[in-house]
Amino acid sequence: MDLRSIVAQKVTEVPTGEQATVWVAEGRATALRRAGRSAGPRQLGGRDGEVIELEIRSSDRLAREITGYGADAIVLQPGSLRDDVLARLRAQAGALA
């Protein structure tokens, strides 16, 4: 792991103007809901929830936040953010195993 390159990437990361679409379980992830805009209700995996749209200011920060909600927040788009969150969840699961 090259910490210098990781820090350099995060320090120089600038807002992209890109949007993320995230499904959030009903009654969960309140801070994430407040940061975004509702795109309407949606069931996912038999669970009630809501799709929200979030501006990606820092993909690393947003990925960390979404990862913290586990199965209560699912990235629908963009695929790169979804892949990042899934990799973080897998790493956490591996660390706990």
C-alpha atoms as a PDB file:
ATOM      1  CA  MET A   1       0.000   0.000   0.000  1.00  0.00           C
ATOM      2  CA  ASP A   2       1.468   3.328  -1.084  1.00  0.00           C
ATOM      3  CA  LEU A   3       0.148   5.859   1.420  1.00  0.00           C
ATOM      4  CA  ARG A   4       1.719   8.824  -0.362  1.00  0.00           C
ATOM      5  CA  SER A   5      -0.176   8.148  -3.583  1.00  0.00           C
ATOM      6  CA  ILE A   6      -3.425   7.571  -1.697  1.00  0.00           C
ATOM      7  CA  VAL A   7      -3.067  10.853   0.192  1.00  0.00           C
ATOM      8  CA  ALA A   8      -2.064  12.719  -2.968  1.00  0.00           C
ATOM      9  CA  GLN A   9      -5.118  11.393  -4.797  1.00  0.00           C
ATOM     10  CA  LYS A  10      -7.517  12.366  -2.005  1.00  0.00           C
ATOM     11  CA  VAL A  11      -6.001  15.798  -1.410  1.00  0.00           C
ATOM     12  CA  THR A  12      -6.194  16.693  -5.091  1.00  0.00           C
ATOM     13  CA  GLU A  13      -9.651  15.220  -5.634  1.00  0.00           C
ATOM     14  CA  VAL A  14     -12.010  17.915  -6.905  1.00  0.00           C
ATOM     15  CA  PRO A  15     -15.797  17.878  -7.188  1.00  0.00           C
ATOM     16  CA  THR A  16     -16.874  16.273 -10.439  1.00  0.00           C
ATOM     17  CA  GLY A  17     -20.426  17.541 -10.612  1.00  0.00           C
ATOM     18  CA  GLU A  18     -21.393  13.900 -11.066  1.00  0.00           C
ATOM     19  CA  GLN A  19     -24.486  12.530  -9.343  1.00  0.00           C
ATOM     20  CA  ALA A  20     -24.872   9.302  -7.408  1.00  0.00           C
ATOM     21  CA  THR A  21     -28.156   7.435  -7.188  1.00  0.00           C
ATOM     22  CA  VAL A  22     -28.530   5.505  -3.947  1.00  0.00           C
ATOM     23  CA  TRP A  23     -31.342   3.365  -2.555  1.00  0.00           C
ATOM     24  CA  VAL A  24     -31.827   3.887   1.192  1.00  0.00           C
ATOM     25  CA  ALA A  25     -33.911   1.589   3.410  1.00  0.00           C
ATOM     26  CA  GLU A  26     -36.970   3.109   5.041  1.00  0.00           C
ATOM     27  CA  GLY A  27     -36.123   4.801   8.335  1.00  0.00           C
ATOM     28  CA  ARG A  28     -32.357   4.407   7.837  1.00  0.00           C
ATOM     29  CA  ALA A  29     -29.402   6.592   6.795  1.00  0.00           C
ATOM     30  CA  THR A  30     -30.979   9.876   7.859  1.00  0.00           C
ATOM     31  CA  ALA A  31     -27.805  11.910   7.280  1.00  0.00           C
ATOM     32  CA  LEU A  32     -27.491  10.535   3.762  1.00  0.00           C
ATOM     33  CA  ARG A  33     -31.133  11.393   3.053  1.00  0.00           C
ATOM     34  CA  ARG A  34     -30.623  14.961   4.271  1.00  0.00           C
ATOM     35  CA  ALA A  35     -27.607  15.389   1.990  1.00  0.00           C
ATOM     36  CA  GLY A  36     -29.517  14.302  -1.104  1.00  0.00           C
ATOM     37  CA  ARG A  37     -32.708  14.831  -3.038  1.00  0.00           C
ATOM     38  CA  SER A  38     -35.496  12.263  -3.146  1.00  0.00           C
ATOM     39  CA  ALA A  39     -36.159  10.604  -6.489  1.00  0.00           C
ATOM     40  CA  GLY A  40     -39.095   8.648  -5.078  1.00  0.00           C
ATOM     41  CA  PRO A  41     -39.981   5.479  -3.197  1.00  0.00           C
ATOM     42  CA  ARG A  42     -38.736   2.067  -4.328  1.00  0.00           C
ATOM     43  CA  GLN A  43     -38.697  -1.473  -3.013  1.00  0.00           C
ATOM     44  CA  LEU A  44     -35.418  -3.343  -3.228  1.00  0.00           C
ATOM     45  CA  GLY A  45     -35.048  -6.966  -2.176  1.00  0.00           C
ATOM     46  CA  GLY A  46     -38.501  -6.849  -0.592  1.00  0.00           C
ATOM     47  CA  ARG A  47     -37.571  -3.852   1.574  1.00  0.00           C
ATOM     48  CA  ASP A  48     -39.283  -0.482   1.384  1.00  0.00           C
ATOM     49  CA  GLY A  49     -37.034   2.464   0.796  1.00  0.00           C
ATOM     50  CA  GLU A  50     -36.339   5.554  -1.223  1.00  0.00           C
ATOM     51  CA  VAL A  51     -34.011   6.435  -4.058  1.00  0.00           C
ATOM     52  CA  ILE A  52     -31.987   9.565  -3.424  1.00  0.00           C
ATOM     53  CA  GLU A  53     -29.680  11.554  -5.658  1.00  0.00           C
ATOM     54  CA  LEU A  54     -26.448  12.900  -4.197  1.00  0.00           C
ATOM     55  CA  GLU A  55     -23.799  15.174  -5.632  1.00  0.00           C
ATOM     56  CA  ILE A  56     -20.410  13.470  -5.625  1.00  0.00           C
ATOM     57  CA  ARG A  57     -18.125  16.076  -4.092  1.00  0.00           C
ATOM     58  CA  SER A  58     -15.564  13.490  -2.981  1.00  0.00           C
ATOM     59  CA  SER A  59     -16.031   9.933  -4.195  1.00  0.00           C
ATOM     60  CA  ASP A  60     -13.845   8.602  -1.375  1.00  0.00           C
ATOM     61  CA  ARG A  61     -15.815  10.402   1.331  1.00  0.00           C
ATOM     62  CA  LEU A  62     -19.170   9.375  -0.147  1.00  0.00           C
ATOM     63  CA  ALA A  63     -18.027   5.753  -0.513  1.00  0.00           C
ATOM     64  CA  ARG A  64     -16.922   5.698   3.140  1.00  0.00           C
ATOM     65  CA  GLU A  65     -20.238   7.142   4.278  1.00  0.00           C
ATOM     66  CA  ILE A  66     -22.347   4.739   2.229  1.00  0.00           C
ATOM     67  CA  THR A  67     -20.223   1.776   3.335  1.00  0.00           C
ATOM     68  CA  GLY A  68     -21.014   2.657   6.938  1.00  0.00           C
ATOM     69  CA  TYR A  69     -24.704   1.967   6.320  1.00  0.00           C
ATOM     70  CA  GLY A  70     -24.099  -1.589   5.089  1.00  0.00           C
ATOM     71  CA  ALA A  71     -27.197  -3.137   3.496  1.00  0.00           C
ATOM     72  CA  ASP A  72     -29.295  -0.065   4.345  1.00  0.00           C
ATOM     73  CA  ALA A  73     -27.748   1.989   1.506  1.00  0.00           C
ATOM     74  CA  ILE A  74     -27.152   0.540  -1.965  1.00  0.00           C
ATOM     75  CA  VAL A  75     -25.420   2.481  -4.739  1.00  0.00           C
ATOM     76  CA  LEU A  76     -27.391   2.182  -7.974  1.00  0.00           C
ATOM     77  CA  GLN A  77     -25.219   4.531 -10.059  1.00  0.00           C
ATOM     78  CA  PRO A  78     -22.455   5.224 -10.978  1.00  0.00           C
ATOM     79  CA  GLY A  79     -20.921   1.777 -11.262  1.00  0.00           C
ATOM     80  CA  SER A  80     -17.497   3.002 -10.157  1.00  0.00           C
ATOM     81  CA  LEU A  81     -18.900   4.193  -6.814  1.00  0.00           C
ATOM     82  CA  ARG A  82     -20.866   0.959  -6.399  1.00  0.00           C
ATOM     83  CA  ASP A  83     -17.687  -1.065  -7.049  1.00  0.00           C
ATOM     84  CA  ASP A  84     -15.763   1.031  -4.508  1.00  0.00           C
ATOM     85  CA  VAL A  85     -18.425   0.527  -1.819  1.00  0.00           C
ATOM     86  CA  LEU A  86     -18.620  -3.219  -2.515  1.00  0.00           C
ATOM     87  CA  ALA A  87     -14.830  -3.548  -2.271  1.00  0.00           C
ATOM     88  CA  ARG A  88     -14.875  -1.749   1.084  1.00  0.00           C
ATOM     89  CA  LEU A  89     -17.683  -3.971   2.382  1.00  0.00           C
ATOM     90  CA  ARG A  90     -15.829  -7.105   1.268  1.00  0.00           C
ATOM     91  CA  ALA A  91     -12.649  -5.874   2.954  1.00  0.00           C
ATOM     92  CA  GLN A  92     -14.561  -5.266   6.190  1.00  0.00           C
ATOM     93  CA  ALA A  93     -16.185  -8.697   5.983  1.00  0.00           C
ATOM     94  CA  GLY A  94     -12.778 -10.294   5.420  1.00  0.00           C
ATOM     95  CA  ALA A  95     -11.333  -8.458   8.397  1.00  0.00           C
ATOM     96  CA  LEU A  96     -14.143  -9.778  10.586  1.00  0.00           C
ATOM     97  CA  ALA A  97     -13.854 -13.381   9.382  1.00  0.00           C
END
